[in-house]
Amino acid sequence: MIDPINFIGEKIRKDADAVDMETSVIFSFCRKYDIQSYISLGIVSDKLGKEILPVDRRIKILKDCAKDLKEWLEQNI
């Protein structure tokens, strides 16, 4: 069985790594129903304080991840 945290986290990391190897990705699952199924995504700035990904790109990543998580839950729960 696929671990949803690793499944979604790996997708986020691949996207972030394409932008900057120093990117830190923070994601967490919060309660929905009786399981951890709500994802939130934060991408911190690099060492120089630059914004690594523009807001619209972050929103797209979050939407893509939420869609993937929903599909995973439908198949595995």
N, C-alpha and C. Protein backbone atom coordinates (compact mmCIF):
# COMPACT_ATOMS: atom_id res chain seq x y z
N MET A 1 0.84 -1.19 0.00
CA MET A 1 0.00 0.00 0.00
C MET A 1 0.89 1.25 0.00
N ILE A 2 0.51 2.22 -0.77
CA ILE A 2 1.27 3.47 -0.88
C ILE A 2 0.98 4.36 0.33
N ASP A 3 2.02 4.95 0.87
CA ASP A 3 1.87 5.89 1.97
C ASP A 3 1.50 7.26 1.37
N PRO A 4 0.34 7.81 1.72
CA PRO A 4 -0.10 9.06 1.09
C PRO A 4 0.85 10.23 1.35
N ILE A 5 1.47 10.27 2.52
CA ILE A 5 2.38 11.38 2.80
C ILE A 5 3.58 11.33 1.87
N ASN A 6 4.17 10.15 1.69
CA ASN A 6 5.30 10.01 0.79
C ASN A 6 4.89 10.23 -0.66
N PHE A 7 3.71 9.74 -1.03
CA PHE A 7 3.22 9.87 -2.40
C PHE A 7 3.08 11.35 -2.78
N ILE A 8 2.40 12.12 -1.95
CA ILE A 8 2.20 13.53 -2.23
C ILE A 8 3.49 14.32 -2.01
N GLY A 9 4.23 13.99 -0.96
CA GLY A 9 5.47 14.70 -0.66
C GLY A 9 6.49 14.57 -1.77
N GLU A 10 6.60 13.38 -2.35
CA GLU A 10 7.56 13.17 -3.44
C GLU A 10 7.19 14.02 -4.65
N LYS A 11 5.91 14.11 -4.93
CA LYS A 11 5.45 14.94 -6.06
C LYS A 11 5.83 16.41 -5.82
N ILE A 12 5.64 16.88 -4.60
CA ILE A 12 5.99 18.26 -4.28
C ILE A 12 7.50 18.46 -4.39
N ARG A 13 8.27 17.54 -3.84
CA ARG A 13 9.73 17.67 -3.87
C ARG A 13 10.26 17.71 -5.29
N LYS A 14 9.74 16.87 -6.16
CA LYS A 14 10.20 16.85 -7.55
C LYS A 14 9.98 18.21 -8.21
N ASP A 15 8.82 18.78 -7.97
CA ASP A 15 8.52 20.08 -8.55
C ASP A 15 9.42 21.16 -7.96
N ALA A 16 9.60 21.15 -6.66
CA ALA A 16 10.42 22.17 -6.00
C ALA A 16 11.89 22.02 -6.37
N ASP A 17 12.38 20.79 -6.46
CA ASP A 17 13.78 20.57 -6.80
C ASP A 17 14.11 21.09 -8.19
N ALA A 18 13.13 21.10 -9.07
CA ALA A 18 13.36 21.61 -10.41
C ALA A 18 13.63 23.12 -10.38
N VAL A 19 13.15 23.77 -9.34
CA VAL A 19 13.34 25.21 -9.21
C VAL A 19 14.63 25.53 -8.46
N ASP A 20 14.86 24.87 -7.34
CA ASP A 20 16.03 25.18 -6.52
C ASP A 20 16.29 24.03 -5.56
N MET A 21 17.51 23.51 -5.57
CA MET A 21 17.84 22.38 -4.71
C MET A 21 17.77 22.74 -3.23
N GLU A 22 17.85 24.03 -2.91
CA GLU A 22 17.80 24.45 -1.51
C GLU A 22 16.37 24.66 -1.00
N THR A 23 15.40 24.47 -1.87
CA THR A 23 14.01 24.69 -1.48
C THR A 23 13.61 23.76 -0.34
N SER A 24 12.96 24.30 0.65
CA SER A 24 12.42 23.49 1.73
C SER A 24 10.92 23.37 1.51
N VAL A 25 10.41 22.17 1.60
CA VAL A 25 8.98 21.97 1.40
C VAL A 25 8.35 21.50 2.71
N ILE A 26 7.31 22.16 3.09
CA ILE A 26 6.62 21.81 4.32
C ILE A 26 5.21 21.39 3.96
N PHE A 27 4.81 20.21 4.38
CA PHE A 27 3.45 19.80 4.11
C PHE A 27 2.91 19.02 5.30
N SER A 28 1.66 19.09 5.53
CA SER A 28 1.08 18.40 6.66
C SER A 28 -0.35 17.98 6.35
N PHE A 29 -0.75 16.92 6.98
CA PHE A 29 -2.12 16.46 6.84
C PHE A 29 -2.89 16.84 8.09
N CYS A 30 -4.11 17.32 7.92
CA CYS A 30 -4.96 17.68 9.04
C CYS A 30 -6.19 16.80 9.00
N ARG A 31 -6.97 16.86 10.04
CA ARG A 31 -8.11 15.96 10.13
C ARG A 31 -9.22 16.26 9.13
N LYS A 32 -9.70 15.21 8.52
CA LYS A 32 -10.90 15.28 7.69
C LYS A 32 -11.50 13.90 7.80
N TYR A 33 -12.71 13.82 8.17
CA TYR A 33 -13.34 12.55 8.50
C TYR A 33 -12.57 11.98 9.69
N ASP A 34 -12.20 10.72 9.67
CA ASP A 34 -11.43 10.13 10.76
C ASP A 34 -10.00 9.86 10.35
N ILE A 35 -9.59 10.43 9.25
CA ILE A 35 -8.25 10.16 8.75
C ILE A 35 -7.53 11.46 8.44
N GLN A 36 -6.24 11.37 8.22
CA GLN A 36 -5.44 12.54 7.84
C GLN A 36 -5.57 12.67 6.33
N SER A 37 -6.31 13.67 5.88
CA SER A 37 -6.55 13.73 4.44
C SER A 37 -6.58 15.14 3.86
N TYR A 38 -6.25 16.14 4.67
CA TYR A 38 -6.25 17.50 4.15
C TYR A 38 -4.80 17.96 4.08
N ILE A 39 -4.37 18.43 2.93
CA ILE A 39 -2.97 18.82 2.77
C ILE A 39 -2.82 20.34 2.68
N SER A 40 -1.81 20.84 3.34
CA SER A 40 -1.46 22.25 3.18
C SER A 40 0.01 22.30 2.80
N LEU A 41 0.36 23.28 1.99
CA LEU A 41 1.71 23.34 1.44
C LEU A 41 2.31 24.71 1.69
N GLY A 42 3.54 24.73 2.15
CA GLY A 42 4.26 25.99 2.31
C GLY A 42 5.64 25.83 1.73
N ILE A 43 6.09 26.79 0.98
CA ILE A 43 7.43 26.74 0.42
C ILE A 43 8.18 27.96 0.94
N VAL A 44 9.24 27.73 1.69
CA VAL A 44 9.96 28.83 2.32
C VAL A 44 10.92 29.49 1.34
N SER A 45 11.37 30.66 1.71
CA SER A 45 12.30 31.38 0.84
C SER A 45 13.70 30.80 0.98
N ASP A 46 14.54 31.09 0.02
CA ASP A 46 15.91 30.59 0.06
C ASP A 46 16.76 31.43 1.02
N LYS A 47 18.05 31.14 1.08
CA LYS A 47 18.94 31.81 2.03
C LYS A 47 19.03 33.32 1.82
N LEU A 48 18.78 33.77 0.62
CA LEU A 48 18.85 35.20 0.32
C LEU A 48 17.53 35.91 0.56
N GLY A 49 16.51 35.15 0.95
CA GLY A 49 15.22 35.74 1.21
C GLY A 49 14.36 35.92 -0.02
N LYS A 50 14.84 35.41 -1.16
CA LYS A 50 14.04 35.51 -2.39
C LYS A 50 12.87 34.52 -2.30
N GLU A 51 11.79 34.88 -2.92
CA GLU A 51 10.67 33.96 -3.01
C GLU A 51 11.02 32.95 -4.10
N ILE A 52 11.01 31.68 -3.75
CA ILE A 52 11.45 30.66 -4.70
C ILE A 52 10.39 30.41 -5.77
N LEU A 53 9.17 30.29 -5.36
CA LEU A 53 8.10 30.09 -6.34
C LEU A 53 7.08 31.19 -6.18
N PRO A 54 6.59 31.74 -7.29
CA PRO A 54 5.55 32.76 -7.19
C PRO A 54 4.26 32.15 -6.63
N VAL A 55 3.43 33.01 -6.06
CA VAL A 55 2.21 32.55 -5.41
C VAL A 55 1.34 31.72 -6.35
N ASP A 56 1.17 32.15 -7.59
CA ASP A 56 0.30 31.40 -8.51
C ASP A 56 0.85 30.00 -8.75
N ARG A 57 2.17 29.85 -8.76
CA ARG A 57 2.77 28.52 -8.96
C ARG A 57 2.53 27.65 -7.73
N ARG A 58 2.63 28.26 -6.53
CA ARG A 58 2.36 27.51 -5.29
C ARG A 58 0.92 27.01 -5.27
N ILE A 59 0.01 27.88 -5.70
CA ILE A 59 -1.41 27.50 -5.71
C ILE A 59 -1.63 26.34 -6.68
N LYS A 60 -0.99 26.38 -7.84
CA LYS A 60 -1.13 25.28 -8.80
C LYS A 60 -0.60 23.97 -8.22
N ILE A 61 0.56 24.01 -7.57
CA ILE A 61 1.12 22.81 -6.96
C ILE A 61 0.15 22.27 -5.91
N LEU A 62 -0.39 23.16 -5.08
CA LEU A 62 -1.31 22.74 -4.03
C LEU A 62 -2.56 22.09 -4.63
N LYS A 63 -3.11 22.69 -5.67
CA LYS A 63 -4.30 22.12 -6.31
C LYS A 63 -3.99 20.75 -6.91
N ASP A 64 -2.84 20.62 -7.57
CA ASP A 64 -2.44 19.33 -8.15
C ASP A 64 -2.29 18.27 -7.06
N CYS A 65 -1.67 18.65 -5.96
CA CYS A 65 -1.46 17.71 -4.86
C CYS A 65 -2.78 17.31 -4.22
N ALA A 66 -3.67 18.27 -4.05
CA ALA A 66 -4.98 17.97 -3.47
C ALA A 66 -5.75 17.01 -4.36
N LYS A 67 -5.66 17.19 -5.67
CA LYS A 67 -6.33 16.29 -6.62
C LYS A 67 -5.75 14.88 -6.50
N ASP A 68 -4.41 14.79 -6.46
CA ASP A 68 -3.77 13.49 -6.33
C ASP A 68 -4.13 12.81 -5.01
N LEU A 69 -4.19 13.60 -3.94
CA LEU A 69 -4.55 13.04 -2.64
C LEU A 69 -5.98 12.52 -2.66
N LYS A 70 -6.89 13.26 -3.27
CA LYS A 70 -8.29 12.82 -3.37
C LYS A 70 -8.37 11.50 -4.12
N GLU A 71 -7.65 11.39 -5.23
CA GLU A 71 -7.64 10.15 -6.01
C GLU A 71 -7.08 9.00 -5.18
N TRP A 72 -6.01 9.27 -4.45
CA TRP A 72 -5.40 8.22 -3.63
C TRP A 72 -6.39 7.73 -2.58
N LEU A 73 -7.08 8.68 -1.92
CA LEU A 73 -8.03 8.32 -0.88
C LEU A 73 -9.20 7.51 -1.44
N GLU A 74 -9.69 7.90 -2.61
CA GLU A 74 -10.80 7.17 -3.22
C GLU A 74 -10.41 5.73 -3.54
N GLN A 75 -9.15 5.51 -3.91
CA GLN A 75 -8.69 4.18 -4.28
C GLN A 75 -8.30 3.33 -3.08
N ASN A 76 -7.91 3.97 -1.98
CA ASN A 76 -7.33 3.23 -0.87
C ASN A 76 -8.12 3.24 0.43
N ILE A 77 -9.14 4.06 0.52
CA ILE A 77 -9.89 4.14 1.78
C ILE A 77 -11.27 3.52 1.58
